[in-house]
Amino acid sequence: MGTTELAVFVEVFERRSFTRAARALGLDPSAVSRRIHALEARLGMPLFLRSTRRIAATDAGAQFYDRVGPAVAA
């Protein structure tokens, strides 16, 4: 079974980095990016603000983390 989009989201949120999340999950950074993009498309909202140097959670992303973070950790 592969790593779920929610697990990828939680890693990116907590590590504030697609690259560090990819390393922790044993995935390619592009795979992490594709899963986050797919999750955002399915939810119909951006979860992260991206620039070339950093990412930050949107307000919606932070609220989504508050709802799913504990469930994914369990």
N, C-alpha and C. Protein backbone atom coordinates (compact mmCIF):
# COMPACT_ATOMS: atom_id res chain seq x y z
N MET A 1 0.84 -1.19 0.00
CA MET A 1 0.00 0.00 0.00
C MET A 1 0.88 1.24 0.00
N GLY A 2 0.54 2.21 -0.83
CA GLY A 2 1.34 3.43 -0.95
C GLY A 2 1.01 4.44 0.14
N THR A 3 1.80 5.46 0.18
CA THR A 3 1.59 6.54 1.13
C THR A 3 0.39 7.38 0.67
N THR A 4 -0.54 7.59 1.55
CA THR A 4 -1.76 8.31 1.19
C THR A 4 -1.49 9.81 1.05
N GLU A 5 -2.37 10.48 0.33
CA GLU A 5 -2.27 11.93 0.17
C GLU A 5 -2.33 12.62 1.53
N LEU A 6 -3.16 12.11 2.45
CA LEU A 6 -3.27 12.74 3.76
C LEU A 6 -1.97 12.62 4.54
N ALA A 7 -1.32 11.45 4.48
CA ALA A 7 -0.05 11.27 5.17
C ALA A 7 1.01 12.20 4.58
N VAL A 8 1.01 12.35 3.26
CA VAL A 8 1.94 13.26 2.60
C VAL A 8 1.65 14.69 3.04
N PHE A 9 0.38 15.07 3.07
CA PHE A 9 0.01 16.41 3.51
C PHE A 9 0.53 16.68 4.92
N VAL A 10 0.32 15.75 5.83
CA VAL A 10 0.74 15.94 7.22
C VAL A 10 2.27 16.11 7.29
N GLU A 11 3.02 15.29 6.56
CA GLU A 11 4.48 15.41 6.57
C GLU A 11 4.92 16.77 6.04
N VAL A 12 4.34 17.20 4.93
CA VAL A 12 4.71 18.50 4.36
C VAL A 12 4.36 19.62 5.34
N PHE A 13 3.18 19.55 5.94
CA PHE A 13 2.75 20.58 6.88
C PHE A 13 3.71 20.65 8.06
N GLU A 14 4.05 19.50 8.64
CA GLU A 14 4.90 19.48 9.83
C GLU A 14 6.34 19.84 9.53
N ARG A 15 6.85 19.45 8.37
CA ARG A 15 8.25 19.70 8.03
C ARG A 15 8.44 21.00 7.25
N ARG A 16 7.33 21.60 6.78
CA ARG A 16 7.39 22.86 6.03
C ARG A 16 8.31 22.74 4.81
N SER A 17 8.33 21.56 4.21
CA SER A 17 9.20 21.34 3.06
C SER A 17 8.76 20.10 2.30
N PHE A 18 8.63 20.24 0.99
CA PHE A 18 8.32 19.09 0.15
C PHE A 18 9.51 18.13 0.15
N THR A 19 10.72 18.68 0.08
CA THR A 19 11.93 17.85 0.02
C THR A 19 12.13 17.06 1.31
N ARG A 20 11.99 17.73 2.46
CA ARG A 20 12.17 17.01 3.73
C ARG A 20 11.07 15.98 3.94
N ALA A 21 9.85 16.30 3.53
CA ALA A 21 8.76 15.33 3.63
C ALA A 21 9.03 14.13 2.73
N ALA A 22 9.51 14.40 1.51
CA ALA A 22 9.82 13.30 0.59
C ALA A 22 10.89 12.40 1.17
N ARG A 23 11.92 12.99 1.74
CA ARG A 23 13.00 12.21 2.35
C ARG A 23 12.46 11.34 3.48
N ALA A 24 11.61 11.92 4.33
CA ALA A 24 11.06 11.18 5.47
C ALA A 24 10.16 10.03 5.02
N LEU A 25 9.47 10.23 3.90
CA LEU A 25 8.53 9.21 3.42
C LEU A 25 9.16 8.24 2.43
N GLY A 26 10.40 8.50 2.04
CA GLY A 26 11.06 7.65 1.06
C GLY A 26 10.48 7.81 -0.34
N LEU A 27 10.04 9.03 -0.66
CA LEU A 27 9.45 9.33 -1.96
C LEU A 27 10.30 10.35 -2.70
N ASP A 28 10.07 10.45 -3.99
CA ASP A 28 10.68 11.48 -4.80
C ASP A 28 9.95 12.80 -4.53
N PRO A 29 10.65 13.93 -4.45
CA PRO A 29 9.95 15.21 -4.22
C PRO A 29 8.85 15.49 -5.23
N SER A 30 9.04 15.07 -6.47
CA SER A 30 7.99 15.30 -7.46
C SER A 30 6.74 14.48 -7.15
N ALA A 31 6.91 13.30 -6.55
CA ALA A 31 5.75 12.49 -6.16
C ALA A 31 4.98 13.18 -5.03
N VAL A 32 5.70 13.78 -4.11
CA VAL A 32 5.07 14.53 -3.02
C VAL A 32 4.28 15.71 -3.61
N SER A 33 4.90 16.43 -4.51
CA SER A 33 4.23 17.57 -5.14
C SER A 33 2.96 17.14 -5.87
N ARG A 34 3.03 16.03 -6.61
CA ARG A 34 1.85 15.55 -7.33
C ARG A 34 0.73 15.15 -6.37
N ARG A 35 1.07 14.52 -5.26
CA ARG A 35 0.03 14.11 -4.30
C ARG A 35 -0.61 15.32 -3.63
N ILE A 36 0.18 16.32 -3.30
CA ILE A 36 -0.39 17.54 -2.70
C ILE A 36 -1.27 18.24 -3.73
N HIS A 37 -0.81 18.33 -4.95
CA HIS A 37 -1.61 18.97 -6.00
C HIS A 37 -2.94 18.22 -6.19
N ALA A 38 -2.89 16.90 -6.20
CA ALA A 38 -4.12 16.10 -6.37
C ALA A 38 -5.07 16.32 -5.20
N LEU A 39 -4.54 16.39 -3.99
CA LEU A 39 -5.38 16.62 -2.81
C LEU A 39 -6.02 18.00 -2.88
N GLU A 40 -5.23 19.01 -3.25
CA GLU A 40 -5.77 20.37 -3.38
C GLU A 40 -6.86 20.42 -4.45
N ALA A 41 -6.65 19.72 -5.55
CA ALA A 41 -7.65 19.70 -6.62
C ALA A 41 -8.93 19.03 -6.15
N ARG A 42 -8.79 17.93 -5.42
CA ARG A 42 -9.97 17.22 -4.93
C ARG A 42 -10.73 18.05 -3.90
N LEU A 43 -10.00 18.77 -3.05
CA LEU A 43 -10.64 19.60 -2.02
C LEU A 43 -11.13 20.93 -2.58
N GLY A 44 -10.58 21.33 -3.71
CA GLY A 44 -10.98 22.60 -4.32
C GLY A 44 -10.44 23.82 -3.61
N MET A 45 -9.28 23.67 -2.96
CA MET A 45 -8.69 24.80 -2.26
C MET A 45 -7.19 24.59 -2.12
N PRO A 46 -6.43 25.68 -2.15
CA PRO A 46 -4.99 25.55 -1.93
C PRO A 46 -4.70 25.29 -0.46
N LEU A 47 -3.78 24.38 -0.20
CA LEU A 47 -3.38 24.07 1.18
C LEU A 47 -2.07 24.75 1.55
N PHE A 48 -1.26 25.06 0.54
CA PHE A 48 0.04 25.69 0.76
C PHE A 48 0.25 26.84 -0.21
N LEU A 49 0.95 27.86 0.27
CA LEU A 49 1.45 28.93 -0.58
C LEU A 49 2.90 28.56 -0.88
N ARG A 50 3.25 28.55 -2.16
CA ARG A 50 4.58 28.11 -2.56
C ARG A 50 5.35 29.26 -3.19
N SER A 51 6.64 29.31 -2.89
CA SER A 51 7.56 30.19 -3.60
C SER A 51 8.81 29.35 -3.89
N THR A 52 9.77 29.93 -4.55
CA THR A 52 10.97 29.16 -4.87
C THR A 52 11.80 28.85 -3.63
N ARG A 53 11.59 29.58 -2.58
CA ARG A 53 12.40 29.39 -1.38
C ARG A 53 11.68 28.77 -0.18
N ARG A 54 10.37 28.84 -0.18
CA ARG A 54 9.66 28.34 1.01
C ARG A 54 8.22 28.01 0.70
N ILE A 55 7.62 27.27 1.60
CA ILE A 55 6.18 27.03 1.53
C ILE A 55 5.60 27.40 2.88
N ALA A 56 4.34 27.76 2.85
CA ALA A 56 3.61 28.08 4.08
C ALA A 56 2.19 27.59 3.90
N ALA A 57 1.62 27.11 4.97
CA ALA A 57 0.24 26.65 4.92
C ALA A 57 -0.70 27.85 4.78
N THR A 58 -1.73 27.66 3.99
CA THR A 58 -2.79 28.66 3.93
C THR A 58 -3.64 28.51 5.19
N ASP A 59 -4.55 29.45 5.42
CA ASP A 59 -5.47 29.31 6.56
C ASP A 59 -6.28 28.02 6.41
N ALA A 60 -6.72 27.74 5.18
CA ALA A 60 -7.48 26.51 4.93
C ALA A 60 -6.61 25.29 5.19
N GLY A 61 -5.33 25.36 4.82
CA GLY A 61 -4.42 24.25 5.06
C GLY A 61 -4.22 24.00 6.55
N ALA A 62 -4.09 25.06 7.33
CA ALA A 62 -3.92 24.92 8.77
C ALA A 62 -5.18 24.32 9.41
N GLN A 63 -6.34 24.78 8.97
CA GLN A 63 -7.59 24.22 9.49
C GLN A 63 -7.75 22.75 9.10
N PHE A 64 -7.36 22.42 7.87
CA PHE A 64 -7.44 21.03 7.41
C PHE A 64 -6.50 20.15 8.23
N TYR A 65 -5.30 20.67 8.52
CA TYR A 65 -4.36 19.92 9.36
C TYR A 65 -4.94 19.67 10.75
N ASP A 66 -5.59 20.67 11.31
CA ASP A 66 -6.20 20.50 12.64
C ASP A 66 -7.23 19.37 12.64
N ARG A 67 -7.91 19.18 11.51
CA ARG A 67 -8.92 18.12 11.42
C ARG A 67 -8.31 16.75 11.13
N VAL A 68 -7.33 16.69 10.23
CA VAL A 68 -6.83 15.37 9.80
C VAL A 68 -5.54 14.94 10.47
N GLY A 69 -4.76 15.88 10.98
CA GLY A 69 -3.47 15.54 11.60
C GLY A 69 -3.56 14.47 12.67
N PRO A 70 -4.44 14.64 13.66
CA PRO A 70 -4.55 13.62 14.71
C PRO A 70 -4.98 12.26 14.18
N ALA A 71 -5.87 12.24 13.20
CA ALA A 71 -6.35 10.97 12.65
C ALA A 71 -5.23 10.24 11.90
N VAL A 72 -4.43 10.99 11.17
CA VAL A 72 -3.34 10.37 10.41
C VAL A 72 -2.27 9.85 11.37
N ALA A 73 -2.03 10.58 12.46
CA ALA A 73 -1.04 10.15 13.43
C ALA A 73 -1.44 8.86 14.15
N ALA A 74 -2.75 8.64 14.27
CA ALA A 74 -3.23 7.47 15.03
C ALA A 74 -3.12 6.18 14.29
